Amino acid sequence: MTRGTEAVDFAPAAALATATGPPPSDDRRSRVHRRGRRGRQRDDVRRSDTWARALRRDWRLYTFLVLPVVFLLLFRYVPMLGNVIAFRRFRPGGSIFGDEWVGLHYVEMFWTDPTFWRVFANTVVLGALTLVVVFPLPIVLALLLNELRSRRFKKAVQTITCLPHFMSIVIVAGFVYELTALNGTINQIITAVGGDEISFMQRADWFRTVYVGSEIWQVVGFGTILYLAALTTIDDQLYEASRIDGANRWQQTWHITLPGIRPTIVVLLILNIGTFLAVGFEKVLLLYNPLTYSTADVIATYLYRVGLTSGSFSYAAAIGLFEAVIGLTLVLSANALSKRLVGASLW
């Protein structure tokens, strides 16, 4: 019994010692390292060879990338070189990259300018209202359309709600002026119920309401397209299983539909956060006037007046660079936060 017990006790240790062998020497480690490095080099060569074969085989398809890449280079990346005039004094007729180095002079100018901070506050407020009010509405509309059983009625609603998106901004601004005029439709309704006429476009306290309302009318219908496409990827068997378990429509929406379109929601939310300060320049420019500057003037319109109208190109470039840095920071922060909390992100 003792010998048997000893055999059982020491057999695993002996087998382990035989299997593992003596510890590897330095020469053996170096040989293993060299073999691993050569293996990685062979993998790199193999991958490059694969890319070369793909280019030779599908070169006709890759030619479609030429125009988009050239467009991005010419109209997105090359203009970035002009940001240097935010730190150099630009004079019309001189060098496009400025004539003399002034450092942070223009940054200090807008940093101590109370007008800039008023404009910055207006931009933040309009961007926050657009994000909080306008962003969730396409999701709600897509969920409502998804519940419709009449295909014909669903298509009619989609067509009617998407139509304003394809209108020119000038036409949209014209509609807004007609609806909010003193003898417009909205004031006729107000006077019909016993109220007083409101000069919406001449009162600064009404501009944000008018702007957000026009944004809802213009973009909500078109925004449902991506969410409706995402809804089609949800497996119908999940709904059938939930109905067997006794789930009602609200529970199915909360536990199946919304998690199914969550990656789409997160991606679009990150993109909207990135353009948080890029409040619609064209619409604000067409709708605002000196009477509404206190609430309507945003960074984009301020840059237009300062840069193009007044000719202060370096000052405008400094403000635009500051806005771009904030936008990049917001995108990176939102992407990292979404990746940590939700598990979905842009990259």
Protein backbone atom coordinates (compact mmCIF):
# COMPACT_ATOMS: atom_id res chain seq x y z
CA MET A 1 0.00 0.00 0.00
CA THR A 2 2.83 2.35 0.81
CA ARG A 3 4.64 1.67 -2.43
CA GLY A 4 1.41 2.05 -4.38
CA THR A 5 0.65 5.31 -2.66
CA GLU A 6 4.13 6.59 -3.39
CA ALA A 7 3.76 5.64 -7.07
CA VAL A 8 0.46 7.48 -7.31
CA ASP A 9 1.83 10.52 -5.52
CA PHE A 10 5.07 10.89 -7.50
CA ALA A 11 3.94 9.78 -10.95
CA PRO A 12 2.38 13.13 -11.92
CA ALA A 13 5.46 15.04 -10.81
CA ALA A 14 7.73 12.72 -12.79
CA ALA A 15 5.54 12.94 -15.84
CA LEU A 16 5.48 16.73 -15.57
CA ALA A 17 9.25 16.91 -15.28
CA THR A 18 9.66 14.64 -18.29
CA ALA A 19 7.14 16.62 -20.36
CA THR A 20 8.51 20.06 -19.56
CA GLY A 21 12.19 19.18 -19.63
CA PRO A 22 14.93 21.46 -18.40
CA PRO A 23 14.47 25.21 -18.57
CA PRO A 24 15.38 26.68 -21.98
CA SER A 25 18.81 28.24 -22.33
CA ASP A 26 19.59 31.71 -23.65
CA ASP A 27 20.58 30.29 -27.05
CA ARG A 28 17.29 28.46 -27.30
CA ARG A 29 15.37 31.62 -26.39
CA SER A 30 17.21 33.61 -29.05
CA ARG A 31 16.49 30.92 -31.67
CA VAL A 32 12.81 30.98 -30.76
CA HIS A 33 12.82 34.78 -30.95
CA ARG A 34 14.48 34.74 -34.39
CA ARG A 35 12.01 32.14 -35.66
CA GLY A 36 9.11 34.28 -34.39
CA ARG A 37 10.53 37.39 -36.05
CA ARG A 38 11.02 35.55 -39.34
CA GLY A 39 7.45 34.26 -39.06
CA ARG A 40 6.12 37.79 -38.59
CA GLN A 41 8.16 39.00 -41.56
CA ARG A 42 6.76 36.18 -43.69
CA ASP A 43 3.23 37.16 -42.60
CA ASP A 44 3.89 40.79 -43.58
CA VAL A 45 5.22 39.70 -46.98
CA ARG A 46 2.23 37.40 -47.41
CA ARG A 47 -0.20 40.22 -46.58
CA SER A 48 1.48 42.64 -48.97
CA ASP A 49 1.44 39.95 -51.64
CA THR A 50 -2.26 39.49 -51.00
CA TRP A 51 -2.87 43.23 -51.42
CA ALA A 52 -0.85 43.24 -54.63
CA ARG A 53 -2.84 40.32 -56.04
CA ALA A 54 -6.10 42.03 -55.03
CA LEU A 55 -5.06 45.24 -56.77
CA ARG A 56 -4.08 43.38 -59.93
CA ARG A 57 -7.27 41.35 -59.92
CA ASP A 58 -9.78 44.09 -58.99
CA TRP A 59 -8.06 47.23 -60.25
CA ARG A 60 -11.22 48.30 -62.06
CA LEU A 61 -13.12 48.43 -58.77
CA TYR A 62 -10.32 50.32 -57.02
CA THR A 63 -10.40 53.00 -59.70
CA PHE A 64 -13.74 54.11 -58.25
CA LEU A 65 -11.80 55.30 -55.19
CA VAL A 66 -9.71 57.76 -57.19
CA LEU A 67 -12.26 60.58 -57.40
CA PRO A 68 -13.37 60.38 -53.72
CA VAL A 69 -9.75 60.34 -52.55
CA VAL A 70 -8.84 63.29 -54.79
CA PHE A 71 -11.92 65.16 -53.54
CA LEU A 72 -10.94 64.58 -49.89
CA LEU A 73 -7.37 65.65 -50.54
CA LEU A 74 -8.26 68.83 -52.42
CA PHE A 75 -11.26 70.03 -50.43
CA ARG A 76 -10.69 68.57 -46.96
CA TYR A 77 -6.99 68.08 -46.25
CA VAL A 78 -5.20 70.68 -48.38
CA PRO A 79 -7.33 73.54 -46.92
CA MET A 80 -6.09 72.52 -43.46
CA LEU A 81 -2.78 74.14 -44.39
CA GLY A 82 -4.58 77.49 -44.28
CA ASN A 83 -4.99 77.15 -40.51
CA VAL A 84 -1.47 78.52 -40.20
CA ILE A 85 -2.80 82.05 -40.70
CA ALA A 86 -4.38 81.74 -37.25
CA PHE A 87 -0.81 82.30 -36.00
CA ARG A 88 0.41 84.57 -38.82
CA ARG A 89 -0.75 88.00 -39.95
CA PHE A 90 -2.57 87.70 -43.26
CA ARG A 91 -2.82 90.68 -45.60
CA PRO A 92 -4.84 90.61 -48.84
CA GLY A 93 -2.47 90.44 -51.77
CA GLY A 94 0.31 88.86 -49.74
CA SER A 95 1.24 85.26 -49.11
CA ILE A 96 -1.66 82.86 -48.59
CA PHE A 97 0.19 81.55 -45.53
CA GLY A 98 0.58 84.97 -43.93
CA ASP A 99 3.34 87.55 -43.93
CA GLU A 100 4.65 87.52 -40.36
CA TRP A 101 4.46 85.29 -37.30
CA VAL A 102 2.28 86.69 -34.49
CA GLY A 103 1.92 83.60 -32.28
CA LEU A 104 -1.22 83.49 -30.14
CA HIS A 105 -2.16 87.12 -30.79
CA TYR A 106 -5.47 86.30 -32.49
CA VAL A 107 -6.28 83.60 -29.95
CA GLU A 108 -5.90 86.18 -27.18
CA MET A 109 -8.12 88.56 -29.16
CA PHE A 110 -11.15 86.30 -29.30
CA TRP A 111 -10.43 84.92 -25.83
CA THR A 112 -10.91 88.39 -24.37
CA ASP A 113 -13.72 89.42 -26.74
CA PRO A 114 -17.15 89.44 -24.98
CA THR A 115 -18.91 89.29 -28.36
CA PHE A 116 -17.27 85.97 -29.14
CA TRP A 117 -18.39 84.45 -25.85
CA ARG A 118 -21.96 85.64 -26.43
CA VAL A 119 -21.84 84.00 -29.86
CA PHE A 120 -20.28 80.87 -28.35
CA ALA A 121 -23.07 80.66 -25.75
CA ASN A 122 -25.73 81.00 -28.48
CA THR A 123 -24.07 78.20 -30.44
CA VAL A 124 -23.97 75.90 -27.42
CA VAL A 125 -27.63 76.56 -26.61
CA LEU A 126 -28.83 76.00 -30.18
CA GLY A 127 -26.63 72.90 -30.53
CA ALA A 128 -27.92 71.47 -27.24
CA LEU A 129 -31.55 72.13 -28.18
CA THR A 130 -31.02 70.49 -31.57
CA LEU A 131 -29.34 67.47 -29.98
CA VAL A 132 -31.86 67.00 -27.16
CA VAL A 133 -35.06 67.79 -29.06
CA VAL A 134 -34.39 66.90 -32.70
CA PHE A 135 -32.13 63.84 -32.37
CA PRO A 136 -34.58 61.50 -30.55
CA LEU A 137 -37.56 62.33 -32.80
CA PRO A 138 -36.44 60.24 -35.82
CA ILE A 139 -36.10 57.26 -33.47
CA VAL A 140 -39.64 57.79 -32.16
CA LEU A 141 -41.04 58.22 -35.67
CA ALA A 142 -39.24 55.09 -36.90
CA LEU A 143 -40.65 53.07 -34.02
CA LEU A 144 -44.17 54.36 -34.75
CA LEU A 145 -43.85 53.58 -38.46
CA ASN A 146 -42.54 50.13 -37.60
CA GLU A 147 -45.79 49.40 -35.75
CA LEU A 148 -47.99 50.28 -38.73
CA ARG A 149 -49.60 47.35 -40.50
CA SER A 150 -50.82 49.26 -43.55
CA ARG A 151 -47.91 49.33 -45.99
CA ARG A 152 -49.57 51.97 -48.17
CA PHE A 153 -50.18 54.35 -45.26
CA LYS A 154 -46.61 53.78 -44.02
CA LYS A 155 -45.14 54.74 -47.42
CA ALA A 156 -47.36 57.82 -47.60
CA VAL A 157 -46.19 59.01 -44.17
CA GLN A 158 -42.55 58.39 -45.09
CA THR A 159 -42.88 60.35 -48.33
CA ILE A 160 -44.59 63.32 -46.69
CA THR A 161 -42.14 63.52 -43.80
CA CYS A 162 -39.02 63.10 -46.01
CA LEU A 163 -40.04 65.71 -48.58
CA PRO A 164 -38.85 68.82 -46.63
CA HIS A 165 -35.31 67.42 -46.45
CA PHE A 166 -34.91 67.70 -50.23
CA MET A 167 -36.04 71.32 -50.36
CA SER A 168 -33.54 74.13 -50.67
CA ILE A 169 -32.68 75.97 -47.48
CA VAL A 170 -33.92 79.14 -49.16
CA ILE A 171 -37.34 77.55 -49.73
CA VAL A 172 -37.45 76.34 -46.12
CA ALA A 173 -36.60 79.83 -44.87
CA GLY A 174 -39.31 81.25 -47.12
CA PHE A 175 -41.86 78.84 -45.62
CA VAL A 176 -40.78 79.86 -42.13
CA TYR A 177 -41.19 83.57 -42.94
CA GLU A 178 -44.64 82.97 -44.44
CA LEU A 179 -45.83 80.90 -41.49
CA THR A 180 -44.51 83.29 -38.82
CA ALA A 181 -45.46 86.60 -40.48
CA LEU A 182 -47.91 88.93 -38.73
CA ASN A 183 -50.64 87.81 -41.13
CA GLY A 184 -49.23 84.28 -41.45
CA THR A 185 -50.87 80.98 -40.59
CA ILE A 186 -49.58 80.77 -37.02
CA ASN A 187 -50.73 84.30 -36.11
CA GLN A 188 -54.10 83.68 -37.74
CA ILE A 189 -54.55 80.67 -35.47
CA ILE A 190 -53.45 82.71 -32.43
CA THR A 191 -55.88 85.54 -33.19
CA ALA A 192 -58.66 83.04 -33.91
CA VAL A 193 -58.43 81.70 -30.36
CA GLY A 194 -58.36 85.21 -28.87
CA GLY A 195 -54.61 85.86 -28.63
CA ASP A 196 -52.46 88.75 -29.84
CA GLU A 197 -50.27 88.67 -32.90
CA ILE A 198 -46.59 87.85 -32.31
CA SER A 199 -43.78 89.18 -34.49
CA PHE A 200 -41.73 85.98 -34.29
CA MET A 201 -38.90 87.01 -36.60
CA GLN A 202 -38.35 90.38 -34.90
CA ARG A 203 -38.18 89.06 -31.33
CA ALA A 204 -34.94 87.53 -30.11
CA ASP A 205 -36.67 85.37 -27.49
CA TRP A 206 -38.62 83.49 -30.20
CA PHE A 207 -35.73 82.76 -32.58
CA ARG A 208 -34.60 79.51 -30.92
CA THR A 209 -38.14 78.13 -30.92
CA VAL A 210 -38.57 78.99 -34.60
CA TYR A 211 -35.19 77.48 -35.50
CA VAL A 212 -35.73 74.21 -33.63
CA GLY A 213 -39.26 73.91 -35.03
CA SER A 214 -37.99 74.32 -38.58
CA GLU A 215 -35.27 71.72 -37.91
CA ILE A 216 -37.89 69.23 -36.71
CA TRP A 217 -39.99 69.80 -39.83
CA GLN A 218 -37.00 69.50 -42.16
CA VAL A 219 -34.82 66.64 -40.87
CA VAL A 220 -36.93 64.29 -38.74
CA GLY A 221 -38.57 62.44 -41.63
CA PHE A 222 -35.31 61.84 -43.47
CA GLY A 223 -33.59 60.73 -40.26
CA THR A 224 -35.97 57.78 -39.92
CA ILE A 225 -34.52 56.07 -43.02
CA LEU A 226 -31.44 54.73 -41.25
CA TYR A 227 -33.43 53.55 -38.23
CA LEU A 228 -36.03 51.80 -40.40
CA ALA A 229 -33.19 50.05 -42.23
CA ALA A 230 -31.71 48.98 -38.88
CA LEU A 231 -35.11 47.66 -37.75
CA THR A 232 -35.21 45.25 -40.69
CA THR A 233 -32.11 43.45 -39.34
CA ILE A 234 -33.84 42.38 -36.10
CA ASP A 235 -34.83 38.70 -36.13
CA ASP A 236 -38.62 38.19 -36.11
CA GLN A 237 -38.16 35.05 -33.99
CA LEU A 238 -37.26 37.27 -31.05
CA TYR A 239 -40.67 38.93 -31.23
CA GLU A 240 -42.41 35.55 -31.55
CA ALA A 241 -40.56 34.20 -28.50
CA SER A 242 -41.41 37.31 -26.50
CA ARG A 243 -45.10 37.02 -27.41
CA ILE A 244 -45.07 33.42 -26.22
CA ASP A 245 -43.59 34.62 -22.93
CA GLY A 246 -46.42 37.16 -22.61
CA ALA A 247 -44.56 40.37 -23.48
CA ASN A 248 -46.70 43.29 -24.67
CA ARG A 249 -45.77 45.73 -27.44
CA TRP A 250 -44.05 48.19 -25.10
CA GLN A 251 -41.94 45.43 -23.53
CA GLN A 252 -40.98 44.14 -26.99
CA THR A 253 -39.96 47.66 -28.02
CA TRP A 254 -37.94 48.25 -24.86
CA HIS A 255 -36.17 44.87 -24.68
CA ILE A 256 -35.86 43.88 -28.37
CA THR A 257 -36.32 46.81 -30.76
CA LEU A 258 -34.25 49.46 -28.99
CA PRO A 259 -31.31 47.12 -28.21
CA GLY A 260 -31.43 45.97 -31.85
CA ILE A 261 -30.93 49.49 -33.21
CA ARG A 262 -28.62 50.65 -30.41
CA PRO A 263 -25.41 50.52 -32.53
CA THR A 264 -27.05 52.76 -35.15
CA ILE A 265 -28.25 55.17 -32.47
CA VAL A 266 -24.78 55.33 -30.89
CA VAL A 267 -22.97 55.97 -34.19
CA LEU A 268 -25.38 58.75 -35.20
CA LEU A 269 -25.21 60.26 -31.71
CA ILE A 270 -21.40 60.42 -31.88
CA LEU A 271 -21.59 62.09 -35.30
CA ASN A 272 -24.14 64.61 -34.00
CA ILE A 273 -21.99 65.37 -30.97
CA GLY A 274 -19.06 65.99 -33.31
CA THR A 275 -21.09 68.65 -35.15
CA PHE A 276 -22.42 70.08 -31.91
CA LEU A 277 -20.99 73.54 -32.59
CA ALA A 278 -21.62 73.42 -36.35
CA VAL A 279 -25.14 74.80 -36.08
CA GLY A 280 -26.76 75.22 -39.51
CA PHE A 281 -25.03 78.24 -41.01
CA GLU A 282 -27.29 78.71 -44.03
CA LYS A 283 -30.56 78.57 -42.13
CA VAL A 284 -29.41 80.90 -39.36
CA LEU A 285 -28.00 83.32 -41.94
CA LEU A 286 -31.33 83.40 -43.79
CA LEU A 287 -33.51 83.69 -40.69
CA TYR A 288 -31.67 86.05 -38.36
CA ASN A 289 -31.45 89.84 -38.45
CA PRO A 290 -29.84 92.53 -36.26
CA LEU A 291 -32.87 92.48 -33.94
CA THR A 292 -32.26 88.82 -33.09
CA TYR A 293 -28.45 88.84 -32.88
CA SER A 294 -28.54 88.43 -29.11
CA THR A 295 -29.88 84.85 -29.41
CA ALA A 296 -29.46 83.99 -33.11
CA ASP A 297 -25.85 84.90 -33.85
CA VAL A 298 -23.72 81.73 -33.83
CA ILE A 299 -20.04 81.03 -34.48
CA ALA A 300 -20.57 80.27 -38.18
CA THR A 301 -22.40 83.53 -38.90
CA TYR A 302 -19.98 85.50 -36.73
CA LEU A 303 -17.07 84.06 -38.73
CA TYR A 304 -18.86 85.02 -41.94
CA ARG A 305 -19.23 88.64 -40.85
CA VAL A 306 -15.77 88.94 -39.31
CA GLY A 307 -13.84 86.99 -41.93
CA LEU A 308 -15.50 87.67 -45.28
CA THR A 309 -17.34 90.92 -44.62
CA SER A 310 -14.74 92.68 -42.46
CA GLY A 311 -11.67 91.02 -43.98
CA SER A 312 -10.15 89.81 -40.66
CA PHE A 313 -9.11 86.45 -42.06
CA SER A 314 -6.51 85.58 -39.43
CA TYR A 315 -8.90 86.37 -36.59
CA ALA A 316 -11.62 84.26 -38.21
CA ALA A 317 -9.15 81.42 -38.80
CA ALA A 318 -8.21 81.40 -35.11
CA ILE A 319 -11.86 81.14 -34.08
CA GLY A 320 -12.52 78.41 -36.66
CA LEU A 321 -9.51 76.44 -35.43
CA PHE A 322 -10.76 76.73 -31.86
CA GLU A 323 -14.17 75.41 -32.95
CA ALA A 324 -12.56 72.50 -34.82
CA VAL A 325 -10.47 71.51 -31.79
CA ILE A 326 -13.58 71.46 -29.60
CA GLY A 327 -15.43 69.35 -32.18
CA LEU A 328 -12.57 66.85 -32.40
CA THR A 329 -12.39 66.62 -28.61
CA LEU A 330 -16.13 65.98 -28.39
CA VAL A 331 -15.98 63.22 -31.02
CA LEU A 332 -13.05 61.44 -29.36
CA SER A 333 -14.60 61.73 -25.89
CA ALA A 334 -18.03 60.53 -27.03
CA ASN A 335 -16.50 57.62 -28.94
CA ALA A 336 -14.38 56.51 -25.95
CA LEU A 337 -17.28 56.86 -23.54
CA SER A 338 -19.63 54.94 -25.82
CA LYS A 339 -17.08 52.18 -26.33
CA ARG A 340 -16.67 51.77 -22.58
CA LEU A 341 -20.34 51.99 -21.55
CA VAL A 342 -22.25 50.55 -24.52
CA GLY A 343 -19.64 48.58 -26.46
CA ALA A 344 -20.49 50.32 -29.77
CA SER A 345 -18.34 53.03 -31.33
CA LEU A 346 -17.11 54.46 -34.62
CA TRP A 347 -13.66 52.89 -34.25
